[in-house]
Protein backbone atom coordinates (compact mmCIF):
# COMPACT_ATOMS: atom_id res chain seq x y z
CA MET A 1 91.00 -124.55 101.53
CA ILE A 2 90.49 -127.86 99.61
CA SER A 3 86.84 -129.14 99.75
CA PHE A 4 85.26 -132.39 98.51
CA PHE A 5 82.19 -134.52 98.89
CA MET A 6 82.44 -138.09 100.03
CA GLY A 7 78.81 -138.92 99.15
CA ALA A 8 76.43 -138.19 96.28
CA ASN A 9 72.66 -138.48 95.45
CA THR A 10 72.90 -140.72 92.36
CA ARG A 11 70.62 -142.62 90.04
CA ASN A 12 70.85 -145.58 92.44
CA GLY A 13 70.34 -143.65 95.66
CA PHE A 14 72.96 -142.37 98.08
CA TYR A 15 76.46 -143.45 97.12
CA SER A 16 79.30 -143.28 99.62
CA LEU A 17 83.07 -143.04 99.29
CA PHE A 18 83.71 -142.84 102.96
CA ASP A 19 85.03 -146.43 103.14
CA THR A 20 87.71 -145.58 100.51
CA VAL A 21 89.81 -143.66 102.99
CA ARG A 22 89.84 -146.43 105.70
CA ASP A 23 92.98 -148.21 104.51
CA GLY A 24 96.00 -146.83 106.33
CA ARG A 25 94.11 -144.10 108.15
CA ASP A 26 92.98 -143.69 111.66
CA VAL A 27 89.31 -142.92 111.13
CA SER A 28 87.07 -141.60 113.97
CA VAL A 29 83.30 -141.33 113.78
CA VAL A 30 80.92 -138.72 115.07
CA LYS A 31 77.59 -140.08 116.31
CA GLY A 32 74.43 -138.04 116.99
CA THR A 33 70.98 -137.23 115.83
CA SER A 34 70.23 -134.54 113.20
CA GLY A 35 70.69 -131.07 114.77
CA SER A 36 72.85 -132.38 117.59
CA GLY A 37 75.92 -130.21 116.63
CA LYS A 38 77.98 -132.73 114.62
CA SER A 39 78.73 -130.13 111.86
CA THR A 40 79.53 -127.53 114.35
CA PHE A 41 81.95 -129.96 116.18
CA LEU A 42 83.72 -130.84 112.87
CA LYS A 43 84.19 -127.15 112.04
CA THR A 44 86.28 -126.83 115.26
CA LEU A 45 88.64 -129.37 113.77
CA MET A 46 89.30 -127.58 110.49
CA ARG A 47 92.88 -126.29 109.99
CA GLU A 48 94.76 -125.10 106.97
CA GLY A 49 95.96 -127.96 104.85
CA ARG A 50 93.23 -130.35 105.89
CA GLU A 51 90.59 -131.65 103.50
CA ARG A 52 87.05 -130.32 104.22
CA ILE A 53 84.31 -132.87 103.41
CA LEU A 54 81.05 -131.09 102.67
CA CYS A 55 77.56 -132.53 102.94
CA SER A 56 76.35 -133.42 99.47
CA SER A 57 72.80 -132.25 100.36
CA ASP A 58 73.72 -129.11 102.30
CA HIS A 59 77.06 -127.47 101.24
CA ALA A 60 77.00 -125.24 104.36
CA SER A 61 77.23 -128.30 106.59
CA LEU A 62 80.33 -130.50 107.27
CA ASP A 63 80.43 -134.24 106.91
CA GLY A 64 84.11 -134.77 107.80
CA VAL A 65 87.70 -133.64 107.94
CA ILE A 66 90.75 -135.55 106.56
CA ALA A 67 94.22 -134.72 107.78
CA GLY A 68 96.99 -136.93 106.37
CA LYS A 69 96.75 -140.36 107.85
CA ALA A 70 93.79 -139.43 110.17
CA ALA A 71 90.15 -138.61 109.45
CA ILE A 72 86.90 -138.02 111.26
CA PHE A 73 83.44 -138.36 109.74
CA ASP A 74 79.79 -137.93 110.48
CA GLY A 75 78.71 -141.50 110.93
CA THR A 76 74.88 -141.13 110.73
CA ALA A 77 72.62 -142.20 108.01
CA PRO A 78 72.79 -142.40 105.03
CA HIS A 79 76.67 -142.40 105.09
CA VAL A 80 77.11 -144.89 107.96
CA CYS A 81 80.74 -145.77 108.69
CA GLU A 82 82.62 -147.32 111.56
CA PRO A 83 85.91 -146.27 113.10
CA THR A 84 89.12 -148.04 112.27
CA VAL A 85 90.95 -149.90 115.16
CA ALA A 86 92.98 -146.73 116.04
CA GLY A 87 89.93 -144.49 115.65
CA LYS A 88 87.38 -143.35 118.24
CA TYR A 89 83.62 -142.74 118.58
CA VAL A 90 82.80 -139.12 119.35
CA LEU A 91 79.34 -138.96 120.85
CA MET A 92 77.29 -135.73 120.76
CA PRO A 93 75.52 -134.78 123.97
CA ASN A 94 72.03 -136.36 124.43
CA CYS A 95 68.87 -134.28 125.11
CA ASP A 96 65.27 -135.21 126.03
CA LEU A 97 63.24 -135.14 122.82
CA SER A 98 60.40 -137.35 124.03
CA PRO A 99 57.80 -134.54 123.86
CA HIS A 100 58.57 -134.18 120.19
CA LYS A 101 58.74 -137.93 119.34
CA GLU A 102 55.77 -137.88 116.98
CA GLU A 103 56.71 -134.65 115.27
CA LEU A 104 60.22 -135.85 114.56
CA ALA A 105 59.07 -139.28 113.31
CA ARG A 106 56.68 -137.57 110.89
CA LEU A 107 59.44 -135.25 109.51
CA ARG A 108 61.91 -138.19 109.16
CA GLU A 109 59.30 -140.20 107.33
CA GLY A 110 58.67 -137.24 105.05
CA ILE A 111 62.39 -136.97 104.37
CA LYS A 112 62.53 -140.61 103.33
CA LYS A 113 59.69 -140.20 100.89
CA ASP A 114 61.16 -137.04 99.41
CA TYR A 115 64.56 -138.77 98.81
CA ASP A 116 62.93 -141.93 97.34
CA ALA A 117 61.06 -139.73 94.86
CA ALA A 118 64.15 -137.62 94.18
CA TYR A 119 66.27 -140.84 93.41
CA ALA A 120 63.56 -142.11 91.11
CA LEU A 121 63.60 -138.81 89.13
CA THR A 122 67.37 -138.77 89.09
CA ALA A 123 67.46 -142.35 87.70
CA ALA A 124 64.87 -141.33 84.97
CA ALA A 125 67.11 -138.26 84.00
CA ALA A 126 70.08 -140.57 83.78
CA ASP A 127 68.11 -142.93 81.59
CA ALA A 128 67.29 -140.10 79.24
CA ARG A 129 71.02 -139.09 79.06
CA ASP A 130 71.92 -142.71 78.27
CA ALA A 131 69.34 -142.88 75.53
CA ALA A 132 70.82 -139.67 73.88
CA ARG A 133 74.23 -141.17 74.17
CA ALA A 134 73.10 -144.46 72.48
CA LEU A 135 71.71 -142.48 69.56
CA LEU A 136 75.12 -140.89 68.88
CA LEU A 137 77.37 -143.90 69.44
CA THR A 138 77.33 -144.97 65.79
CA ALA A 139 78.18 -141.42 64.72
CA PHE A 140 81.04 -141.09 67.23
CA ARG A 141 84.65 -141.59 66.18
CA GLY A 142 85.52 -142.95 69.48
CA ASP A 143 88.82 -144.47 68.44
CA ARG A 144 90.21 -141.02 67.56
CA PHE A 145 89.00 -139.58 70.82
CA LEU A 146 90.55 -142.38 72.96
CA LYS A 147 93.91 -141.94 71.16
CA ARG A 148 93.99 -138.48 72.83
CA ALA A 149 93.82 -140.14 76.20
CA ASP A 150 96.54 -142.62 75.16
CA GLY A 151 98.76 -139.68 74.15
CA ILE A 152 98.31 -137.98 77.44
CA LEU A 153 99.42 -141.08 79.27
CA LYS A 154 102.50 -141.35 77.06
CA ARG A 155 103.44 -137.65 77.76
CA VAL A 156 102.49 -137.35 81.42
CA LYS A 157 104.62 -139.15 83.99
CA ASN A 158 102.81 -138.84 87.24
CA PRO A 159 104.74 -139.77 90.50
CA ARG A 160 103.60 -142.92 92.45
CA GLY A 161 101.35 -142.19 95.38
CA GLU A 162 97.80 -142.52 96.70
CA THR A 163 94.89 -142.73 94.26
CA ARG A 164 92.09 -140.79 96.10
CA PHE A 165 88.43 -141.11 95.23
CA ARG A 166 86.45 -137.95 95.96
CA PHE A 167 83.34 -136.20 94.45
CA ILE A 168 83.71 -132.52 93.48
CA ASP A 169 80.19 -132.33 92.16
CA SER A 170 76.95 -132.88 94.06
CA LEU A 171 73.26 -132.92 93.04
CA CYS A 172 71.15 -131.10 95.69
CA ALA A 173 68.27 -128.66 95.92
CA GLU A 174 70.27 -125.98 94.08
CA GLY A 175 71.12 -128.31 91.21
CA VAL A 176 74.58 -129.79 90.39
CA LYS A 177 77.28 -127.81 92.09
CA CYS A 178 80.98 -128.09 91.14
CA LEU A 179 83.74 -127.18 93.62
CA THR A 180 85.72 -125.32 90.95
CA GLY A 181 87.84 -123.68 93.72
CA THR A 182 89.24 -127.15 94.58
CA VAL A 183 90.24 -127.80 91.05
CA SER A 184 91.96 -124.44 90.59
CA GLU A 185 93.75 -124.78 94.02
CA LEU A 186 95.11 -128.23 93.06
CA ALA A 187 95.93 -127.54 89.31
CA SER A 188 96.99 -124.66 87.20
CA ARG A 189 96.90 -126.43 83.86
CA ILE A 190 93.32 -127.59 83.39
CA THR A 191 91.92 -129.33 80.30
CA VAL A 192 88.12 -129.02 80.01
CA VAL A 193 86.33 -131.77 78.17
CA GLU A 194 83.06 -130.49 76.71
CA ASP A 195 80.85 -133.64 76.93
CA SER A 196 77.23 -132.82 76.09
CA PHE A 197 76.15 -136.42 75.46
CA GLY A 198 78.27 -138.52 77.81
CA LEU A 199 80.58 -139.78 75.16
CA ALA A 200 83.81 -138.99 77.05
CA ASP A 201 83.40 -142.04 79.41
CA GLY A 202 86.05 -144.03 77.53
CA PHE A 203 88.47 -141.05 77.56
CA PHE A 204 88.29 -140.75 81.35
CA GLU A 205 88.35 -144.49 81.90
CA ILE A 206 91.64 -144.77 80.08
CA LEU A 207 93.10 -141.89 82.20
CA LYS A 208 91.78 -143.44 85.43
CA GLU A 209 93.34 -146.85 84.67
CA GLY A 210 96.60 -145.32 83.40
CA PHE A 211 97.06 -143.15 86.51
CA ARG A 212 95.96 -145.75 89.00
CA GLY A 213 98.49 -146.11 91.82
CA THR A 214 99.88 -142.62 91.30
CA ASP A 215 99.21 -139.33 93.13
CA CYS A 216 95.82 -138.31 91.81
CA TYR A 217 92.19 -137.66 92.62
CA VAL A 218 89.61 -139.62 90.66
CA CYS A 219 86.23 -137.88 90.79
CA PRO A 220 83.18 -139.93 89.83
CA SER A 221 79.98 -138.54 88.35
CA PRO A 222 77.47 -137.48 90.98
CA ILE A 223 74.64 -139.03 88.92
CA ASP A 224 76.36 -142.22 87.74
CA PRO A 225 79.31 -142.88 90.09
CA LEU A 226 80.63 -145.83 88.07
CA LYS A 227 81.68 -143.28 85.52
CA THR A 228 84.65 -140.90 86.02
CA ARG A 229 83.94 -137.25 85.57
CA HIS A 230 87.25 -135.55 86.55
CA ILE A 231 90.87 -136.53 87.28
CA ILE A 232 93.29 -134.18 89.14
CA LEU A 233 97.06 -134.66 89.36
CA PRO A 234 98.13 -132.19 92.13
CA ALA A 235 101.83 -133.14 91.99
CA LEU A 236 101.89 -132.00 88.32
CA GLY A 237 99.43 -129.25 88.57
CA LEU A 238 97.22 -130.86 86.00
CA ALA A 239 93.49 -131.60 85.84
CA PHE A 240 91.07 -132.98 83.27
CA VAL A 241 87.47 -131.98 83.94
CA THR A 242 84.17 -132.49 82.38
CA SER A 243 81.82 -129.67 81.48
CA ASP A 244 78.26 -130.25 80.20
CA GLU A 245 74.61 -129.26 80.60
CA LEU A 246 74.58 -131.16 83.93
CA CYS A 247 77.19 -128.83 85.36
CA ARG A 248 79.21 -126.20 83.45
CA TYR A 249 82.72 -125.84 84.60
CA ASP A 250 83.35 -122.11 84.80
CA GLY A 251 86.84 -122.08 86.32
CA PRO A 252 90.20 -121.31 84.58
CA ARG A 253 91.24 -123.50 81.66
CA ALA A 254 94.33 -124.02 79.58
CA ARG A 255 92.82 -126.24 76.91
CA VAL A 256 89.41 -127.34 75.68
CA VAL A 257 88.58 -130.74 74.13
CA ARG A 258 85.18 -130.88 72.46
CA GLU A 259 83.32 -134.17 72.11
CA THR A 260 81.37 -132.79 69.18
CA SER A 261 84.59 -132.61 67.12
CA TYR A 262 84.53 -136.43 66.94
CA ILE A 263 80.82 -136.72 65.97
CA ASP A 264 79.83 -137.25 62.27
CA LYS A 265 77.66 -134.12 61.68
CA ASN A 266 75.38 -135.80 59.04
CA ALA A 267 74.61 -138.76 61.33
CA ALA A 268 73.96 -136.52 64.29
CA ALA A 269 71.62 -134.31 62.17
CA ALA A 270 69.55 -137.40 61.31
CA CYS A 271 68.57 -137.82 65.04
CA LYS A 272 68.44 -134.03 65.89
CA TYR A 273 64.77 -134.09 66.95
CA GLU A 274 65.18 -137.13 69.24
CA LEU A 275 68.26 -135.58 70.90
CA LYS A 276 66.60 -132.36 71.54
CA LEU A 277 63.58 -134.14 73.04
CA LEU A 278 65.83 -136.29 75.32
CA LYS A 279 67.93 -133.34 76.55
CA LYS A 280 64.71 -131.46 77.44
CA LEU A 281 63.41 -134.46 79.25
CA GLU A 282 66.59 -134.94 81.14
CA ALA A 283 66.55 -131.22 82.24
CA GLU A 284 62.94 -131.40 83.43
CA LEU A 285 63.43 -134.56 85.38
CA LEU A 286 66.51 -133.20 87.12
CA CYS A 287 64.50 -129.98 87.98
CA ALA A 288 61.77 -132.16 89.50
CA ALA A 289 64.52 -134.04 91.43
CA ARG A 290 65.92 -130.86 92.71
CA LYS A 291 62.53 -129.81 94.14
CA LYS A 292 62.32 -133.11 96.06
CA TYR A 293 65.80 -132.67 97.44
CA GLY A 294 64.74 -129.18 98.44
CA ALA A 295 61.66 -130.46 100.24
CA ALA A 296 63.77 -132.93 102.20
CA LYS A 297 66.24 -130.18 103.11
CA GLU A 298 63.39 -127.99 104.52
CA LYS A 299 62.11 -130.87 106.61
CA HIS A 300 65.66 -131.43 107.87
CA LYS A 301 65.81 -127.72 108.86
CA ALA A 302 62.52 -128.24 110.74
CA ILE A 303 64.02 -131.20 112.66
CA GLU A 304 67.03 -128.98 113.65
CA ALA A 305 64.63 -126.14 114.77
CA VAL A 306 62.94 -128.65 117.10
CA ILE A 307 66.17 -130.06 118.55
CA ARG A 308 68.27 -126.93 118.78
CA PRO A 309 66.57 -125.30 121.83
CA HIS A 310 67.15 -128.60 123.77
CA LEU A 311 70.87 -128.79 123.08
CA ASP A 312 73.33 -128.56 125.97
CA THR A 313 75.83 -126.10 124.44
CA ASP A 314 78.10 -126.29 127.37
CA ALA A 315 78.37 -130.11 126.98
CA LEU A 316 78.92 -129.59 123.20
CA ASN A 317 81.66 -127.18 123.84
CA GLN A 318 83.24 -129.61 126.25
CA VAL A 319 83.25 -132.32 123.60
CA ALA A 320 84.78 -129.91 121.09
CA GLU A 321 87.57 -128.95 123.63
CA GLU A 322 88.23 -132.62 124.49
CA TYR A 323 88.68 -133.67 120.92
CA LYS A 324 90.06 -130.45 119.25
CA ASN A 325 93.44 -132.05 118.66
CA LEU A 326 92.08 -135.40 117.50
CA LEU A 327 93.62 -135.09 114.02
CA ASP A 328 97.02 -133.57 115.18
């Protein structure tokens, strides 16, 4: 089953790709408070061949389902979205939570503070990575590296089709997780780009522009979504994926391209100490961010624990039955 993320916890806060699927699709939206059964409802709509959209902060939870020209998403914060003209609102059953109003408000305020701190730490980690990259730019033979991307575009003729933007990595309490199963399901020939210092940006930018308007998935970085991290060409069974300290790609591979092969070793040796320091700083900042994401997740679980006993399961089942064929 193909899984993706449509949101990510980035250096600039939560980043959403939900609006990228609105053109040409009937998009419906599920509304309801945390713990009201939205993820459970979405699971009833999953079928073979449909895209499963996972929650970027909790991979066990669903944020949406995409089926061809139709889609349905969880429309609550932070990934607020509205239905298209042909779409619908699906409302989860209400329950009386007034006795827990103050407790729920306290937990939600705590979640906001945790996320604010996590985003600040994530931004600082990204800054440390950018600083390491800047140290190596003068030692990087980028022109030779970019020629490899140009050569790929000349050899690979991808059919016209929809260029889809999805995340296959997400930063959460468990660290950065990559949906390697999605890559291997869509592609059998996988080129892994070992990119320890973020120097492969230009390589992926050339591929992204070259394959624009063709049948492909463009997968941004979960830390810096303006940069492309992976590109998948399902019609050809090809994929180009990044592997680094942020997230090691441990799936099957046909070829490996190493960024270090294009770095002048003498120039890199001159800043060895600074690079080591910056990589350590990046890792420690991401570890601190993970703890804050973890604290927010625990508070979210506490909210669900408060709400769950008050849910009208019969009403929830009725909603699921009413909309079970929404994407057919």
